[in-house]
Structures are given as C-alpha cells and as structure tokens.
Amino acid sequence: MIQILEKVIKILKNNNMEDKRSYTITKQNNGWYRVEVIDKYGAWTEIYEQSVYDASKFVYEYWSSAEERRKENELMVETITSCIELDKKYNLLKGNRDCLD
C-alpha cells in the first residue's frame, strides 16, 4: 500500500510541467452534453450538462479553479507523505494479518 501511495505522490509532484488545458463538449443521444476537461496541471474531470452554455461555463470555472485544486492536491501529498514517514519511523502496520503493510 505504501509503495502505491509513494507512486501517486511522485506523479502529483511531477505533474507541474507545461500547460495541459483541453476540453471536449459532445452532445449525447439523450440531449445532454458530455463535458471532458483537463486543467493546466493535467487534472481531468467529466460531467454532463443540459446546455452548451452550462457546459462552457463549467469549462471556464474548472480552469479558473486550477490553482485552488493544485494547492489542495499539494496539501494531500504532504499529508500522505507525513503518514508514510510515520509508518516507517514507528514500524506501523508491519506483520499484520490484514496485510495493510
């Protein structure tokens, strides 16, 4: 488990390269619009909106909130890193029958 979290942390830390913004808005058979958005850091999401206006508005708002999302992700990375360091320091979760180490 710790190795997986360390890989996630490495990916999140290295995810600050070039601007990766993109989006697609696709009308679905049911009349809704599928919106896929990637912000400048590569964070992806997908939603459905009822109109092109709402879909476009979501893209703008998602891109506008990229910095806030990035800060939240960095805080999560720091928190997970601290937990991993504590696990290693105190040998927590070692040899448990539930295999959480």
C-alpha atoms as a PDB file:
ATOM      1  CA  MET A   1       0.000   0.000   0.000  1.00  0.00           C
ATOM      2  CA  ILE A   2       2.779   2.430   0.907  1.00  0.00           C
ATOM      3  CA  GLN A   3       4.517   1.831  -2.431  1.00  0.00           C
ATOM      4  CA  ILE A   4       1.340   2.723  -4.322  1.00  0.00           C
ATOM      5  CA  LEU A   5       0.911   5.941  -2.342  1.00  0.00           C
ATOM      6  CA  GLU A   6       4.556   6.860  -2.965  1.00  0.00           C
ATOM      7  CA  LYS A   7       3.992   6.427  -6.728  1.00  0.00           C
ATOM      8  CA  VAL A   8       0.887   8.630  -6.576  1.00  0.00           C
ATOM      9  CA  ILE A   9       2.849  11.292  -4.719  1.00  0.00           C
ATOM     10  CA  LYS A  10       5.627  11.188  -7.314  1.00  0.00           C
ATOM     11  CA  ILE A  11       3.108  11.582 -10.137  1.00  0.00           C
ATOM     12  CA  LEU A  12       1.387  14.509  -8.410  1.00  0.00           C
ATOM     13  CA  LYS A  13       4.708  16.247  -7.702  1.00  0.00           C
ATOM     14  CA  ASN A  14       5.893  15.831 -11.312  1.00  0.00           C
ATOM     15  CA  ASN A  15       2.598  16.995 -12.742  1.00  0.00           C
ATOM     16  CA  ASN A  16       3.613  20.666 -12.956  1.00  0.00           C
ATOM     17  CA  MET A  17       5.062  20.729 -16.474  1.00  0.00           C
ATOM     18  CA  GLU A  18       3.572  22.588 -19.438  1.00  0.00           C
ATOM     19  CA  ASP A  19       0.004  23.859 -19.690  1.00  0.00           C
ATOM     20  CA  LYS A  20      -2.203  20.847 -20.480  1.00  0.00           C
ATOM     21  CA  ARG A  21      -5.589  22.539 -20.818  1.00  0.00           C
ATOM     22  CA  SER A  22      -8.100  20.974 -23.168  1.00  0.00           C
ATOM     23  CA  TYR A  23     -11.795  20.183 -23.299  1.00  0.00           C
ATOM     24  CA  THR A  24     -14.442  18.446 -25.373  1.00  0.00           C
ATOM     25  CA  ILE A  25     -18.185  19.042 -25.360  1.00  0.00           C
ATOM     26  CA  THR A  26     -20.198  16.298 -27.025  1.00  0.00           C
ATOM     27  CA  LYS A  27     -23.970  16.173 -27.416  1.00  0.00           C
ATOM     28  CA  GLN A  28     -25.342  12.827 -26.261  1.00  0.00           C
ATOM     29  CA  ASN A  29     -28.339  10.944 -27.649  1.00  0.00           C
ATOM     30  CA  ASN A  30     -30.405  11.918 -24.608  1.00  0.00           C
ATOM     31  CA  GLY A  31     -29.916  15.650 -25.295  1.00  0.00           C
ATOM     32  CA  TRP A  32     -27.371  16.230 -22.547  1.00  0.00           C
ATOM     33  CA  TYR A  33     -23.829  17.431 -23.214  1.00  0.00           C
ATOM     34  CA  ARG A  34     -20.838  15.407 -22.082  1.00  0.00           C
ATOM     35  CA  VAL A  35     -18.007  17.662 -20.914  1.00  0.00           C
ATOM     36  CA  GLU A  36     -14.438  16.430 -20.505  1.00  0.00           C
ATOM     37  CA  VAL A  37     -11.977  18.979 -19.153  1.00  0.00           C
ATOM     38  CA  ILE A  38      -8.268  18.942 -18.376  1.00  0.00           C
ATOM     39  CA  ASP A  39      -6.779  21.873 -16.483  1.00  0.00           C
ATOM     40  CA  LYS A  40      -3.289  23.309 -16.920  1.00  0.00           C
ATOM     41  CA  TYR A  41      -1.850  20.767 -14.467  1.00  0.00           C
ATOM     42  CA  GLY A  42      -3.402  17.754 -16.162  1.00  0.00           C
ATOM     43  CA  ALA A  43      -6.271  17.243 -13.694  1.00  0.00           C
ATOM     44  CA  TRP A  44      -9.172  15.630 -15.576  1.00  0.00           C
ATOM     45  CA  THR A  45     -12.887  15.514 -14.931  1.00  0.00           C
ATOM     46  CA  GLU A  46     -16.038  14.580 -16.788  1.00  0.00           C
ATOM     47  CA  ILE A  47     -19.578  15.824 -16.204  1.00  0.00           C
ATOM     48  CA  TYR A  48     -22.881  16.141 -18.051  1.00  0.00           C
ATOM     49  CA  GLU A  49     -24.728  19.425 -18.543  1.00  0.00           C
ATOM     50  CA  GLN A  50     -28.122  20.240 -20.024  1.00  0.00           C
ATOM     51  CA  SER A  51     -26.977  23.040 -22.346  1.00  0.00           C
ATOM     52  CA  VAL A  52     -23.922  24.155 -24.280  1.00  0.00           C
ATOM     53  CA  TYR A  53     -23.931  27.335 -22.217  1.00  0.00           C
ATOM     54  CA  ASP A  54     -23.740  25.380 -18.950  1.00  0.00           C
ATOM     55  CA  ALA A  55     -21.070  23.104 -20.416  1.00  0.00           C
ATOM     56  CA  SER A  56     -18.962  26.076 -21.491  1.00  0.00           C
ATOM     57  CA  LYS A  57     -19.465  27.739 -18.126  1.00  0.00           C
ATOM     58  CA  PHE A  58     -18.239  24.594 -16.378  1.00  0.00           C
ATOM     59  CA  VAL A  59     -15.071  24.515 -18.515  1.00  0.00           C
ATOM     60  CA  TYR A  60     -14.325  28.128 -17.630  1.00  0.00           C
ATOM     61  CA  GLU A  61     -14.950  27.568 -13.914  1.00  0.00           C
ATOM     62  CA  TYR A  62     -12.878  24.365 -13.877  1.00  0.00           C
ATOM     63  CA  TRP A  63      -9.946  26.129 -15.499  1.00  0.00           C
ATOM     64  CA  SER A  64     -10.351  29.118 -13.166  1.00  0.00           C
ATOM     65  CA  SER A  65     -10.155  26.912 -10.081  1.00  0.00           C
ATOM     66  CA  ALA A  66      -6.994  25.032 -11.166  1.00  0.00           C
ATOM     67  CA  GLU A  67      -4.745  26.830  -8.678  1.00  0.00           C
ATOM     68  CA  GLU A  68      -7.039  26.070  -5.757  1.00  0.00           C
ATOM     69  CA  ARG A  69      -7.271  22.399  -6.773  1.00  0.00           C
ATOM     70  CA  ARG A  70      -3.489  22.271  -7.137  1.00  0.00           C
ATOM     71  CA  LYS A  71      -2.996  23.650  -3.618  1.00  0.00           C
ATOM     72  CA  GLU A  72      -5.466  21.103  -2.239  1.00  0.00           C
ATOM     73  CA  ASN A  73      -3.614  18.291  -4.043  1.00  0.00           C
ATOM     74  CA  GLU A  74      -0.252  19.504  -2.731  1.00  0.00           C
ATOM     75  CA  LEU A  75      -1.637  19.542   0.798  1.00  0.00           C
ATOM     76  CA  MET A  76      -2.887  15.984   0.312  1.00  0.00           C
ATOM     77  CA  VAL A  77       0.555  14.931  -0.975  1.00  0.00           C
ATOM     78  CA  GLU A  78       2.217  16.454   2.096  1.00  0.00           C
ATOM     79  CA  THR A  79      -0.266  14.740   4.410  1.00  0.00           C
ATOM     80  CA  ILE A  80       0.166  11.325   2.791  1.00  0.00           C
ATOM     81  CA  THR A  81       3.954  11.753   2.816  1.00  0.00           C
ATOM     82  CA  SER A  82       3.850  12.536   6.536  1.00  0.00           C
ATOM     83  CA  CYS A  83       1.722   9.460   7.202  1.00  0.00           C
ATOM     84  CA  ILE A  84       4.122   7.249   5.243  1.00  0.00           C
ATOM     85  CA  GLU A  85       7.087   8.679   7.157  1.00  0.00           C
ATOM     86  CA  LEU A  86       5.333   7.997  10.478  1.00  0.00           C
ATOM     87  CA  ASP A  87       4.517   4.451   9.363  1.00  0.00           C
ATOM     88  CA  LYS A  88       8.169   3.844   8.517  1.00  0.00           C
ATOM     89  CA  LYS A  89       9.516   5.565  11.635  1.00  0.00           C
ATOM     90  CA  TYR A  90       7.361   3.610  14.070  1.00  0.00           C
ATOM     91  CA  ASN A  91       7.138   0.383  12.013  1.00  0.00           C
ATOM     92  CA  LEU A  92       3.379   0.626  11.950  1.00  0.00           C
ATOM     93  CA  LEU A  93       1.340  -1.928  10.052  1.00  0.00           C
ATOM     94  CA  LYS A  94       4.250  -4.401   9.913  1.00  0.00           C
ATOM     95  CA  GLY A  95       3.370  -8.065  10.098  1.00  0.00           C
ATOM     96  CA  ASN A  96      -0.349  -7.560  10.488  1.00  0.00           C
ATOM     97  CA  ARG A  97      -2.580 -10.428   9.430  1.00  0.00           C
ATOM     98  CA  ASP A  98      -4.763  -7.993   7.493  1.00  0.00           C
ATOM     99  CA  CYS A  99      -1.829  -7.264   5.106  1.00  0.00           C
ATOM    100  CA  LEU A 100      -2.114  -3.488   5.401  1.00  0.00           C
ATOM    101  CA  ASP A 101       1.655  -3.027   5.363  1.00  0.00           C
END
